[in-house]
N, C-alpha and C. Protein backbone atom coordinates (compact mmCIF):
# COMPACT_ATOMS: atom_id res chain seq x y z
N LYS A 1 5.37 28.45 -4.96
CA LYS A 1 7.07 28.33 -4.70
C LYS A 1 7.72 29.23 -5.11
N ASN A 2 8.83 28.88 -4.33
CA ASN A 2 9.24 30.01 -4.39
C ASN A 2 11.24 29.70 -5.32
N TYR A 3 10.90 31.73 -5.15
CA TYR A 3 12.54 31.20 -6.19
C TYR A 3 13.34 32.92 -6.10
N THR A 4 14.37 32.54 -6.95
CA THR A 4 15.16 33.57 -6.84
C THR A 4 15.71 33.98 -8.70
N VAL A 5 15.95 35.21 -8.93
CA VAL A 5 16.52 35.55 -9.67
C VAL A 5 18.43 36.07 -10.01
N GLU A 6 19.07 35.77 -10.09
CA GLU A 6 20.65 36.48 -9.97
C GLU A 6 20.67 37.52 -8.83
N ASP A 7 20.21 37.15 -7.88
CA ASP A 7 20.09 37.70 -6.48
C ASP A 7 19.44 39.27 -6.37
N TRP A 8 18.35 39.42 -7.39
CA TRP A 8 18.32 40.57 -6.88
C TRP A 8 16.55 40.31 -7.22
N ILE A 9 15.54 39.20 -7.70
CA ILE A 9 15.00 38.91 -7.38
C ILE A 9 14.10 37.95 -6.56
N PHE A 10 13.15 38.12 -5.45
CA PHE A 10 13.10 37.28 -4.26
C PHE A 10 11.98 37.26 -4.82
N ASN A 11 11.09 35.76 -4.69
CA ASN A 11 9.59 35.24 -4.65
C ASN A 11 9.82 34.08 -3.59
N PRO A 12 9.07 34.82 -2.84
CA PRO A 12 8.96 33.18 -1.30
C PRO A 12 7.65 32.69 -1.17
N GLY A 13 6.76 32.48 -2.64
CA GLY A 13 6.25 32.17 -3.03
C GLY A 13 4.63 32.15 -2.36
N SER A 14 3.54 30.97 -1.99
CA SER A 14 2.56 31.81 -1.22
C SER A 14 2.55 31.40 0.47
N VAL A 15 2.14 32.11 1.12
CA VAL A 15 2.65 32.19 2.62
C VAL A 15 1.78 30.62 3.06
N GLU A 16 0.82 30.13 2.11
CA GLU A 16 -0.43 29.12 2.74
C GLU A 16 0.03 28.22 1.23
N ALA A 17 -0.07 26.98 1.54
CA ALA A 17 -0.60 26.45 0.09
C ALA A 17 -2.61 26.63 -0.57
N ASN A 18 -2.21 26.90 -1.74
CA ASN A 18 -3.56 26.59 -2.61
C ASN A 18 -4.50 25.57 -2.88
N ASN A 19 -3.25 24.79 -3.05
CA ASN A 19 -3.39 23.12 -3.78
C ASN A 19 -3.00 22.07 -2.61
N VAL A 20 -3.41 20.64 -3.13
CA VAL A 20 -2.16 19.91 -2.55
C VAL A 20 -1.06 19.56 -2.99
N GLU A 21 -0.91 20.39 -4.37
CA GLU A 21 0.51 19.64 -4.90
C GLU A 21 1.64 20.48 -4.42
N GLU A 22 1.10 22.29 -3.84
CA GLU A 22 1.99 22.91 -3.91
C GLU A 22 2.29 22.96 -2.43
N SER A 23 1.54 21.55 -1.60
CA SER A 23 2.11 21.50 -0.11
C SER A 23 3.67 20.70 -0.29
N GLN A 24 4.07 20.42 -1.48
CA GLN A 24 5.23 20.07 -1.52
C GLN A 24 6.49 20.92 -1.62
N PHE A 25 6.41 22.09 -2.32
CA PHE A 25 7.03 23.40 -2.56
C PHE A 25 7.71 23.81 -1.59
N ASP A 26 8.67 24.42 -1.69
CA ASP A 26 9.67 25.16 -0.45
C ASP A 26 8.41 26.95 -0.25
N ARG A 27 8.15 27.09 0.30
CA ARG A 27 7.45 28.29 0.57
C ARG A 27 7.23 29.18 1.93
N GLY A 28 6.96 30.32 1.57
CA GLY A 28 6.83 31.38 2.80
C GLY A 28 7.51 33.04 3.18
N VAL A 29 8.18 33.05 3.59
CA VAL A 29 8.47 34.78 3.58
C VAL A 29 9.79 34.48 3.91
N TYR A 30 10.49 35.76 3.07
CA TYR A 30 11.92 36.43 2.95
C TYR A 30 12.14 37.51 3.82
N LEU A 31 13.16 37.20 4.80
CA LEU A 31 13.73 38.35 5.23
C LEU A 31 14.92 38.94 4.90
N VAL A 32 14.86 40.15 4.60
CA VAL A 32 15.77 40.39 2.81
C VAL A 32 16.67 42.08 4.10
N GLU A 33 17.63 41.95 3.96
CA GLU A 33 18.88 42.67 4.66
C GLU A 33 19.61 43.68 3.44
N ILE A 34 19.42 44.91 3.52
CA ILE A 34 20.00 45.24 2.52
C ILE A 34 21.32 46.46 2.80
N ASP A 35 22.83 46.31 3.15
CA ASP A 35 23.09 47.39 3.03
C ASP A 35 24.88 47.59 2.30
N ALA A 36 25.74 47.76 2.65
CA ALA A 36 26.99 48.12 1.84
C ALA A 36 27.91 47.40 0.75
N ALA A 37 27.37 45.84 1.91
CA ALA A 37 27.48 44.79 0.89
C ALA A 37 26.59 44.04 0.17
N GLY A 38 25.69 44.19 -0.11
CA GLY A 38 24.61 43.87 -0.90
C GLY A 38 23.84 43.16 -0.25
N ILE A 39 22.91 42.53 -0.63
CA ILE A 39 21.23 41.85 -0.38
C ILE A 39 21.81 40.71 -0.05
N ARG A 40 20.52 40.42 1.60
CA ARG A 40 20.45 39.27 1.59
C ARG A 40 19.47 38.90 2.03
N ALA A 41 18.81 37.70 1.13
CA ALA A 41 17.50 36.93 1.75
C ALA A 41 17.56 36.21 1.69
N GLU A 42 17.29 35.67 2.93
CA GLU A 42 16.69 34.71 4.10
C GLU A 42 15.28 33.85 3.87
N LEU A 43 14.76 32.71 2.87
CA LEU A 43 13.22 32.69 3.35
C LEU A 43 12.92 31.88 4.87
N LYS A 44 11.98 32.51 5.32
CA LYS A 44 11.47 32.07 6.14
C LYS A 44 10.79 31.02 6.03
N ARG A 45 10.04 29.93 7.01
CA ARG A 45 9.42 29.00 6.94
C ARG A 45 9.06 28.38 8.45
N ASP A 46 9.46 29.13 9.37
CA ASP A 46 8.97 28.95 11.08
C ASP A 46 8.15 29.50 11.38
N TYR A 47 7.14 29.04 10.82
CA TYR A 47 5.48 29.85 11.02
C TYR A 47 4.66 28.89 10.82
N THR A 48 3.36 28.69 11.40
CA THR A 48 2.44 27.34 11.68
C THR A 48 1.75 27.74 10.22
N GLN A 49 1.90 26.34 9.72
CA GLN A 49 1.18 26.31 8.29
C GLN A 49 0.08 24.79 8.51
N ARG A 50 -1.00 25.13 7.53
CA ARG A 50 -1.85 24.07 7.85
C ARG A 50 -1.31 22.71 7.36
N THR A 51 -1.14 21.77 8.05
CA THR A 51 -0.29 20.31 8.12
C THR A 51 -1.35 19.67 6.61
N ILE A 52 -0.73 19.22 4.99
CA ILE A 52 -1.43 18.74 4.52
C ILE A 52 -0.72 17.02 4.45
N VAL A 53 -1.64 16.26 4.21
CA VAL A 53 -1.23 15.13 4.06
C VAL A 53 -1.32 14.35 3.11
N ARG A 54 -0.95 13.36 2.25
CA ARG A 54 -1.32 12.51 1.39
C ARG A 54 -1.00 11.73 1.36
N LEU A 55 -1.72 10.41 1.13
CA LEU A 55 -1.94 8.85 1.51
C LEU A 55 -2.33 8.36 -0.08
N LYS A 56 -1.75 6.97 0.25
CA LYS A 56 -2.32 6.27 -1.58
C LYS A 56 -2.51 5.08 -1.06
N VAL A 57 -3.74 4.14 -1.39
CA VAL A 57 -4.13 3.26 -1.64
C VAL A 57 -4.25 2.51 -2.86
N ILE A 58 -3.22 0.96 -3.31
CA ILE A 58 -3.40 0.51 -4.47
C ILE A 58 -3.66 -0.55 -4.44
N ALA A 59 -4.96 -0.92 -5.42
CA ALA A 59 -5.90 -1.98 -5.41
C ALA A 59 -5.73 -2.77 -6.20
N ARG A 60 -5.05 -4.01 -6.08
CA ARG A 60 -4.50 -5.45 -6.52
C ARG A 60 -5.70 -5.80 -7.81
N GLY A 61 -6.71 -6.01 -7.34
CA GLY A 61 -8.10 -6.46 -8.11
C GLY A 61 -8.29 -7.70 -7.74
N GLN A 62 -7.60 -8.10 -6.15
CA GLN A 62 -8.16 -9.43 -6.14
C GLN A 62 -9.23 -8.94 -4.59
N GLU A 63 -9.16 -7.64 -3.92
CA GLU A 63 -9.95 -7.22 -2.62
C GLU A 63 -11.44 -7.66 -3.40
N SER A 64 -12.19 -7.90 -2.52
CA SER A 64 -13.80 -7.35 -2.52
C SER A 64 -14.02 -5.85 -2.16
N GLN A 65 -15.49 -5.00 -2.64
CA GLN A 65 -15.56 -3.80 -2.30
C GLN A 65 -15.53 -3.62 -1.34
N GLU A 66 -16.02 -4.37 0.44
CA GLU A 66 -15.72 -4.19 1.19
C GLU A 66 -14.30 -4.70 1.56
N ALA A 67 -13.54 -5.32 1.60
CA ALA A 67 -11.98 -5.37 1.87
C ALA A 67 -11.35 -4.07 1.25
N LEU A 68 -11.59 -3.55 -0.19
CA LEU A 68 -10.68 -2.17 0.03
C LEU A 68 -11.27 -1.18 0.55
N GLU A 69 -13.00 -0.73 1.05
CA GLU A 69 -13.26 -0.31 1.69
C GLU A 69 -11.94 -0.03 3.17
N GLU A 70 -12.20 -1.27 3.81
CA GLU A 70 -11.24 -1.73 4.77
C GLU A 70 -9.73 -1.30 5.13
N ALA A 71 -9.77 -1.59 3.84
CA ALA A 71 -7.94 -1.28 3.53
C ALA A 71 -7.99 0.48 3.78
N THR A 72 -8.64 0.88 2.68
CA THR A 72 -8.26 2.12 3.18
C THR A 72 -9.10 3.10 4.22
N ILE A 73 -10.02 2.39 4.97
CA ILE A 73 -9.84 3.00 6.39
C ILE A 73 -8.66 2.63 6.97
N ALA A 74 -7.94 1.29 6.85
CA ALA A 74 -6.79 0.87 7.74
C ALA A 74 -5.58 1.76 7.66
N VAL A 75 -5.80 2.44 6.23
CA VAL A 75 -4.25 2.90 6.15
C VAL A 75 -4.58 4.76 6.84
N VAL A 76 -6.09 4.88 6.58
CA VAL A 76 -6.04 6.41 7.74
C VAL A 76 -5.77 6.17 9.10
N GLN A 77 -6.47 5.21 9.51
CA GLN A 77 -6.12 4.89 10.84
C GLN A 77 -4.42 4.82 11.69
N GLN A 78 -3.84 4.31 10.61
CA GLN A 78 -2.24 4.26 10.88
C GLN A 78 -1.23 4.89 10.69
N ALA A 79 -2.41 6.21 9.96
CA ALA A 79 -1.83 7.34 9.92
C ALA A 79 -1.89 8.36 10.81
N LEU A 80 -3.13 8.39 11.66
CA LEU A 80 -3.32 8.64 12.84
C LEU A 80 -2.93 8.30 13.94
N GLN A 81 -2.82 7.02 14.22
CA GLN A 81 -1.89 6.38 15.04
C GLN A 81 -0.39 6.46 15.05
N ALA A 82 0.19 6.88 14.05
CA ALA A 82 1.72 7.66 13.77
C ALA A 82 2.14 8.91 13.96
N GLY A 83 0.43 9.59 14.14
CA GLY A 83 0.85 11.04 13.81
C GLY A 83 0.94 12.23 12.99
N LYS A 84 1.01 10.61 11.70
CA LYS A 84 1.00 11.57 10.73
C LYS A 84 -0.03 13.12 10.48
N ILE A 85 -1.39 12.28 10.96
CA ILE A 85 -2.55 12.49 10.95
C ILE A 85 -2.90 13.22 12.07
N ARG A 86 -3.12 14.89 12.29
CA ARG A 86 -3.55 14.87 13.82
C ARG A 86 -5.06 15.68 13.25
N ALA A 87 -5.89 15.13 14.08
CA ALA A 87 -7.11 15.92 14.10
C ALA A 87 -7.47 17.38 14.61
N VAL A 88 -6.73 17.30 15.93
CA VAL A 88 -6.80 18.69 16.51
C VAL A 88 -6.45 19.69 15.62
N GLU A 89 -5.83 19.58 14.48
CA GLU A 89 -5.15 20.93 13.25
C GLU A 89 -6.17 20.45 12.65
N ALA A 90 -7.26 19.52 12.48
CA ALA A 90 -7.53 20.02 10.47
C ALA A 90 -7.19 20.02 9.97
N PRO A 91 -6.46 18.93 9.48
CA PRO A 91 -5.54 19.08 8.07
C PRO A 91 -6.40 18.76 7.36
N ILE A 92 -5.44 19.30 5.99
CA ILE A 92 -6.35 18.69 4.49
C ILE A 92 -5.19 17.05 4.16
N VAL A 93 -6.47 16.64 3.76
CA VAL A 93 -6.24 15.27 3.51
C VAL A 93 -6.38 14.73 2.27
N GLU A 94 -5.62 14.36 1.40
CA GLU A 94 -5.55 13.85 -0.23
C GLU A 94 -5.11 12.45 0.01
N LEU A 95 -6.42 11.50 -0.06
CA LEU A 95 -6.33 9.82 -0.45
C LEU A 95 -6.49 9.28 -1.71
N ARG A 96 -5.76 9.12 -2.05
CA ARG A 96 -5.61 8.24 -4.05
C ARG A 96 -6.19 7.06 -3.55
N ILE A 97 -6.87 6.09 -4.54
CA ILE A 97 -6.92 5.16 -4.16
C ILE A 97 -6.97 4.60 -5.64
N GLU A 98 -5.63 3.70 -6.02
CA GLU A 98 -5.14 3.28 -7.97
C GLU A 98 -5.56 1.96 -7.76
N GLY A 99 -5.58 1.73 -9.20
CA GLY A 99 -4.48 0.29 -9.27
C GLY A 99 -5.89 -0.05 -10.39
N GLN A 100 -6.50 -1.95 -10.28
CA GLN A 100 -7.68 -2.53 -10.63
C GLN A 100 -8.14 -2.98 -9.23
N VAL A 101 -9.62 -2.98 -9.82
CA VAL A 101 -10.98 -3.23 -8.79
C VAL A 101 -11.28 -4.69 -9.68
N GLY A 102 -11.36 -5.65 -8.95
CA GLY A 102 -12.48 -6.94 -9.49
C GLY A 102 -13.73 -6.75 -9.04
N PHE A 103 -14.34 -5.54 -9.48
CA PHE A 103 -15.75 -5.50 -9.09
C PHE A 103 -15.90 -4.28 -10.34
N ASP A 104 -17.36 -3.92 -10.16
CA ASP A 104 -17.93 -2.65 -11.48
C ASP A 104 -17.05 -1.60 -10.08
N ARG A 105 -16.33 -0.56 -10.88
CA ARG A 105 -16.15 0.35 -10.01
C ARG A 105 -16.24 1.81 -9.39
N LEU A 106 -18.13 1.60 -10.39
CA LEU A 106 -19.04 2.44 -10.28
C LEU A 106 -19.70 1.96 -8.60
N ASP A 107 -19.24 0.68 -7.84
CA ASP A 107 -20.52 0.03 -6.96
C ASP A 107 -19.79 0.88 -5.58
N LEU A 108 -18.28 1.27 -5.63
CA LEU A 108 -17.96 1.89 -4.67
C LEU A 108 -18.51 3.57 -4.36
N ASP A 109 -19.02 3.52 -3.23
CA ASP A 109 -19.59 4.54 -3.04
C ASP A 109 -18.66 5.56 -2.13
N THR A 110 -17.80 6.32 -3.39
CA THR A 110 -17.12 6.87 -2.98
C THR A 110 -17.26 8.62 -2.05
N ARG A 111 -18.59 9.24 -1.94
CA ARG A 111 -18.81 10.29 -1.67
C ARG A 111 -19.09 9.90 0.21
N LYS A 112 -19.84 8.65 -0.25
CA LYS A 112 -19.85 8.32 1.93
C LYS A 112 -18.75 7.42 2.08
N LEU A 113 -17.97 7.06 1.61
CA LEU A 113 -16.71 6.77 2.25
C LEU A 113 -15.74 7.61 2.21
N GLN A 114 -15.79 8.97 1.81
CA GLN A 114 -15.22 9.83 1.65
C GLN A 114 -15.75 11.09 3.53
N GLN A 115 -17.08 10.99 3.71
CA GLN A 115 -17.51 11.58 4.85
C GLN A 115 -16.90 10.46 5.97
N GLN A 116 -16.77 9.38 5.79
CA GLN A 116 -16.32 8.70 6.61
C GLN A 116 -15.08 9.36 7.05
N LEU A 117 -14.52 9.23 6.02
CA LEU A 117 -13.24 9.51 6.64
C LEU A 117 -12.65 10.78 7.03
N GLN A 118 -13.56 12.04 6.59
CA GLN A 118 -13.12 13.26 6.76
C GLN A 118 -13.71 13.35 8.11
N GLN A 119 -14.78 12.85 8.47
CA GLN A 119 -15.10 12.46 10.08
C GLN A 119 -13.93 11.73 10.88
N LEU A 120 -13.44 10.59 10.65
CA LEU A 120 -12.37 9.89 11.10
C LEU A 120 -11.59 10.71 11.70
N THR A 121 -10.70 11.31 10.82
CA THR A 121 -9.66 12.23 10.80
C THR A 121 -9.82 13.81 11.08
N GLY A 122 -11.05 13.98 11.36
CA GLY A 122 -11.24 15.39 11.35
C GLY A 122 -10.77 16.74 10.61
N ALA A 123 -10.59 16.12 9.20
CA ALA A 123 -9.83 17.41 8.40
C ALA A 123 -10.62 18.31 8.22
N LEU A 124 -10.40 19.50 8.05
CA LEU A 124 -11.20 20.94 7.05
C LEU A 124 -11.56 20.09 5.73
N ILE A 125 -10.85 19.62 4.56
CA ILE A 125 -10.75 18.96 3.77
C ILE A 125 -9.96 17.65 3.40
N PHE A 126 -11.29 17.28 2.99
CA PHE A 126 -10.98 15.73 2.95
C PHE A 126 -10.53 14.90 1.22
N LEU A 127 -9.93 15.04 0.40
CA LEU A 127 -10.14 14.36 -0.53
C LEU A 127 -9.18 13.31 -0.90
N LEU A 128 -10.49 12.77 -1.51
CA LEU A 128 -10.97 11.07 -2.02
C LEU A 128 -10.81 11.05 -3.23
N ARG A 129 -9.20 10.37 -4.12
CA ARG A 129 -9.35 10.26 -5.69
C ARG A 129 -9.42 9.32 -5.99
N TYR A 130 -10.24 8.40 -6.35
CA TYR A 130 -11.04 7.05 -6.97
C TYR A 130 -10.40 6.95 -8.40
N ASN A 131 -8.60 6.59 -8.56
CA ASN A 131 -8.46 6.74 -10.57
C ASN A 131 -8.13 4.96 -10.69
N VAL A 132 -9.19 3.76 -10.62
CA VAL A 132 -8.68 2.87 -10.78
C VAL A 132 -9.67 2.39 -12.43
N ASP A 133 -9.29 1.24 -12.46
CA ASP A 133 -9.71 0.19 -13.82
C ASP A 133 -10.24 -0.91 -13.29
N SER A 134 -11.04 -1.64 -14.09
CA SER A 134 -11.96 -2.70 -13.59
C SER A 134 -11.15 -3.97 -14.21
N VAL A 135 -10.33 -4.69 -13.21
CA VAL A 135 -10.13 -5.62 -13.96
C VAL A 135 -10.78 -6.40 -15.45
N ALA A 136 -10.18 -7.19 -16.51
CA ALA A 136 -10.18 -7.02 -17.23
C ALA A 136 -9.50 -8.64 -18.14
N TYR A 137 -10.30 -9.20 -18.84
CA TYR A 137 -9.86 -10.28 -19.29
C TYR A 137 -10.45 -10.79 -20.96
N ALA A 138 -9.37 -11.01 -21.65
CA ALA A 138 -9.94 -11.39 -22.94
C ALA A 138 -9.47 -12.89 -23.19
N SER A 139 -9.98 -13.83 -23.44
CA SER A 139 -9.72 -14.99 -23.81
C SER A 139 -9.74 -15.04 -24.95
N HIS A 140 -8.79 -15.78 -25.86
CA HIS A 140 -8.46 -16.34 -26.94
C HIS A 140 -9.84 -16.82 -27.80
N ILE A 141 -10.89 -16.33 -28.57
CA ILE A 141 -11.36 -16.69 -29.28
C ILE A 141 -10.97 -17.64 -30.94
N ALA A 142 -11.39 -18.75 -31.24
CA ALA A 142 -10.97 -19.16 -32.59
C ALA A 142 -11.56 -18.61 -33.62
N GLU A 143 -10.91 -18.39 -34.66
CA GLU A 143 -11.99 -18.33 -35.65
C GLU A 143 -13.54 -18.47 -36.25
N GLU A 144 -13.11 -19.91 -36.07
CA GLU A 144 -14.20 -20.80 -36.29
C GLU A 144 -14.67 -21.30 -35.31
N ALA A 145 -14.44 -20.88 -34.27
CA ALA A 145 -15.52 -20.71 -33.22
C ALA A 145 -17.42 -20.50 -33.69
N ASN A 146 -18.44 -21.29 -33.05
CA ASN A 146 -19.84 -20.42 -33.46
C ASN A 146 -20.33 -20.00 -32.77
N ARG A 147 -21.14 -19.65 -32.39
CA ARG A 147 -22.06 -18.12 -31.83
C ARG A 147 -22.09 -18.43 -30.58
N SER A 148 -22.50 -19.76 -30.66
CA SER A 148 -22.51 -20.57 -28.69
C SER A 148 -20.99 -20.38 -28.12
N GLN A 149 -20.32 -20.72 -28.38
CA GLN A 149 -19.09 -20.78 -28.51
C GLN A 149 -17.98 -19.53 -27.28
N VAL A 150 -18.61 -18.35 -28.91
CA VAL A 150 -18.06 -16.92 -28.45
C VAL A 150 -18.99 -16.33 -26.92
N GLU A 151 -20.37 -16.71 -27.33
CA GLU A 151 -21.16 -16.37 -26.20
C GLU A 151 -20.83 -16.67 -24.76
N ARG A 152 -20.24 -18.04 -24.72
CA ARG A 152 -19.69 -18.83 -23.51
C ARG A 152 -18.20 -17.81 -23.26
N GLU A 153 -17.45 -18.06 -24.49
CA GLU A 153 -16.00 -17.47 -23.85
C GLU A 153 -16.08 -15.43 -23.31
N VAL A 154 -17.09 -14.99 -24.10
CA VAL A 154 -17.15 -13.39 -23.33
C VAL A 154 -18.09 -13.47 -22.03
N PHE A 155 -19.07 -14.18 -21.19
CA PHE A 155 -19.66 -14.44 -20.44
C PHE A 155 -18.42 -14.63 -19.54
N LEU A 156 -17.49 -16.32 -20.01
CA LEU A 156 -17.02 -16.62 -18.83
C LEU A 156 -15.36 -15.00 -18.23
N ASP A 157 -15.41 -14.69 -19.57
CA ASP A 157 -14.43 -13.00 -19.33
C ASP A 157 -15.06 -12.17 -18.23
N LEU A 158 -16.23 -12.03 -18.69
CA LEU A 158 -16.98 -11.18 -17.43
C LEU A 158 -17.03 -11.47 -16.18
N LEU A 159 -16.83 -12.76 -16.80
CA LEU A 159 -16.86 -13.22 -14.65
C LEU A 159 -16.15 -13.29 -14.52
N ALA A 160 -14.93 -13.91 -14.67
CA ALA A 160 -13.45 -13.87 -14.36
C ALA A 160 -13.14 -12.72 -13.28
N ALA A 161 -14.05 -11.90 -14.46
CA ALA A 161 -13.47 -10.10 -14.22
C ALA A 161 -13.84 -9.92 -12.19
N HIS A 162 -14.48 -10.17 -12.37
CA HIS A 162 -15.81 -9.36 -11.37
C HIS A 162 -15.13 -10.45 -10.02
N ASN A 163 -14.42 -10.13 -8.45
CA ASN A 163 -13.99 -11.02 -7.66
C ASN A 163 -15.12 -11.47 -7.01
N THR A 164 -16.28 -11.35 -6.89
CA THR A 164 -17.34 -11.98 -6.39
C THR A 164 -17.94 -13.24 -7.38
N TYR A 165 -17.61 -13.27 -8.40
CA TYR A 165 -18.03 -14.20 -9.39
C TYR A 165 -17.15 -15.45 -9.98
N LYS A 166 -16.18 -15.06 -9.84
CA LYS A 166 -15.11 -15.95 -10.78
C LYS A 166 -14.76 -16.95 -10.29
N GLN A 167 -14.58 -17.13 -8.95
CA GLN A 167 -15.10 -18.82 -8.50
C GLN A 167 -15.98 -19.31 -8.59
N GLN A 168 -17.02 -19.13 -10.01
CA GLN A 168 -18.25 -19.64 -9.84
C GLN A 168 -18.46 -19.43 -11.71
N ALA A 169 -17.43 -18.86 -12.18
CA ALA A 169 -17.86 -18.19 -13.70
C ALA A 169 -18.10 -19.21 -14.63
N THR A 170 -17.99 -20.13 -14.53
CA THR A 170 -18.01 -21.57 -15.42
C THR A 170 -19.57 -21.97 -15.26
N GLU A 171 -19.88 -22.28 -14.20
CA GLU A 171 -21.28 -22.33 -13.87
C GLU A 171 -22.39 -21.09 -14.17
N LEU A 172 -21.60 -19.99 -13.60
CA LEU A 172 -22.70 -19.00 -13.96
C LEU A 172 -23.05 -18.34 -15.46
N ALA A 173 -21.39 -18.60 -16.36
CA ALA A 173 -21.97 -18.39 -18.04
C ALA A 173 -23.04 -19.29 -18.32
N GLN A 174 -22.35 -20.14 -18.12
CA GLN A 174 -23.52 -21.53 -18.48
C GLN A 174 -24.96 -21.29 -17.86
N GLY A 175 -25.40 -20.92 -16.79
CA GLY A 175 -26.89 -20.22 -16.87
C GLY A 175 -27.33 -19.09 -17.29
N LEU A 176 -26.34 -18.17 -17.74
CA LEU A 176 -26.47 -16.81 -18.30
C LEU A 176 -26.94 -17.22 -20.00
N ILE A 177 -26.34 -18.04 -20.52
CA ILE A 177 -26.45 -18.91 -21.97
C ILE A 177 -27.66 -19.67 -21.29
N ASP A 178 -28.77 -20.33 -20.47
CA ASP A 178 -29.52 -20.70 -20.48
C ASP A 178 -30.70 -19.64 -20.62
N LEU A 179 -30.41 -18.66 -19.68
CA LEU A 179 -31.32 -17.39 -19.31
C LEU A 179 -31.46 -16.89 -20.89
N LYS A 180 -30.34 -16.57 -21.36
CA LYS A 180 -30.70 -16.13 -23.16
C LYS A 180 -31.55 -17.02 -23.27
N ASP A 181 -31.51 -18.04 -23.50
CA ASP A 181 -32.27 -18.80 -24.28
C ASP A 181 -33.81 -18.91 -24.15
N GLN A 182 -33.88 -18.83 -22.62
CA GLN A 182 -35.25 -18.81 -22.36
C GLN A 182 -36.26 -17.68 -22.76
N GLN A 183 -35.58 -16.57 -22.92
CA GLN A 183 -36.04 -14.91 -23.02
C GLN A 183 -35.98 -15.29 -24.34
N VAL A 184 -35.46 -15.98 -25.31
CA VAL A 184 -35.51 -16.17 -26.70
C VAL A 184 -36.86 -17.23 -26.69
N GLN A 185 -37.43 -17.28 -26.07
CA GLN A 185 -38.33 -18.58 -26.30
C GLN A 185 -39.70 -17.49 -25.81
N GLY A 186 -39.41 -16.56 -25.03
CA GLY A 186 -40.70 -16.15 -24.57
C GLY A 186 -41.11 -16.12 -23.43
N ARG A 187 -40.04 -16.78 -22.71
CA ARG A 187 -40.87 -17.08 -21.42
C ARG A 187 -41.07 -15.62 -20.26
N SER A 188 -41.98 -15.75 -19.49
CA SER A 188 -42.04 -14.52 -19.21
C SER A 188 -41.55 -14.17 -17.65
N ASP A 189 -41.81 -12.58 -17.58
CA ASP A 189 -40.43 -12.09 -16.43
C ASP A 189 -40.38 -12.69 -15.37
N ALA A 190 -41.59 -13.63 -14.56
CA ALA A 190 -41.58 -14.01 -13.47
C ALA A 190 -40.49 -15.15 -13.30
N ASP A 191 -41.13 -15.77 -14.88
CA ASP A 191 -40.11 -17.46 -14.44
C ASP A 191 -38.79 -16.79 -14.87
N LEU A 192 -38.16 -16.06 -15.62
CA LEU A 192 -36.85 -15.01 -16.25
C LEU A 192 -36.05 -15.06 -14.48
N TYR A 193 -36.74 -14.55 -13.92
CA TYR A 193 -36.77 -13.72 -12.28
C TYR A 193 -36.08 -15.23 -11.14
N GLN A 194 -37.31 -15.56 -11.89
CA GLN A 194 -37.42 -17.37 -10.70
C GLN A 194 -36.07 -17.70 -10.93
N PHE A 195 -35.68 -17.34 -12.50
CA PHE A 195 -34.18 -18.65 -12.69
C PHE A 195 -33.15 -17.84 -12.48
N VAL A 196 -32.99 -16.46 -12.38
CA VAL A 196 -31.89 -16.12 -12.03
C VAL A 196 -31.43 -16.42 -10.35
N GLN A 197 -33.19 -16.14 -9.61
CA GLN A 197 -32.88 -16.47 -8.10
C GLN A 197 -32.06 -17.69 -7.75
N SER A 198 -32.43 -18.53 -8.56
CA SER A 198 -32.43 -20.31 -8.29
C SER A 198 -30.78 -20.32 -8.67
N LEU A 199 -30.31 -19.53 -9.72
CA LEU A 199 -28.82 -19.36 -9.90
C LEU A 199 -28.05 -19.01 -9.24
N LEU A 200 -27.91 -17.80 -8.66
CA LEU A 200 -27.56 -16.88 -7.61
C LEU A 200 -27.17 -17.60 -6.60
N THR A 201 -28.97 -18.77 -6.21
CA THR A 201 -28.65 -18.94 -4.97
C THR A 201 -27.68 -20.38 -4.57
N ALA A 202 -27.49 -20.73 -6.12
CA ALA A 202 -26.98 -21.83 -6.54
C ALA A 202 -25.59 -21.68 -6.45
N SER A 203 -25.37 -20.53 -6.87
CA SER A 203 -23.73 -20.52 -6.68
C SER A 203 -23.19 -20.09 -5.30
N VAL A 204 -23.95 -19.24 -4.97
CA VAL A 204 -23.73 -18.54 -3.33
C VAL A 204 -23.61 -20.38 -2.67
N ASP A 205 -24.73 -21.09 -2.77
CA ASP A 205 -23.92 -22.60 -2.08
C ASP A 205 -22.80 -23.63 -2.47
């Protein structure tokens, strides 16, 4: 970042940005003239600098994982179509995904998505910043609630926070309670697996 002090110290900043944040600063080189009238320094920026583009996607918590990935790709495609990103320039691109997601945040393969977007943009460096929280629900549980009621509310909160399962949260919560009971009763792993499979199949239907 360039700065001057009392018209006798002139720092032009770096010729090129060393990171994405520096792309927002005025910087370049000074053309300095000294004569009897004093010192005149003019910051020059009319030289070719590598393009740095910053994009953002806001997750609202309603999108599925696939929908969020598609929205992210769409934002990049719009920047390409608008000429904000020019692959021929091999730019540096930063894309931030922020907000809340209605699925396990670790399910999104950020490495794969980053590689796909870098190939799409022709970027020299593509920085994908994934800073989201999972949607959380916390139902009020009465002090006199028994263990079964507490379990049901906990399962309902977990399922309601997941975009894929929230529409069937009530049925699946009961299914999870039944699954726990069967496990306590000592049912075999094969029986438990079959129960889970039938539960998920019923929720899809």
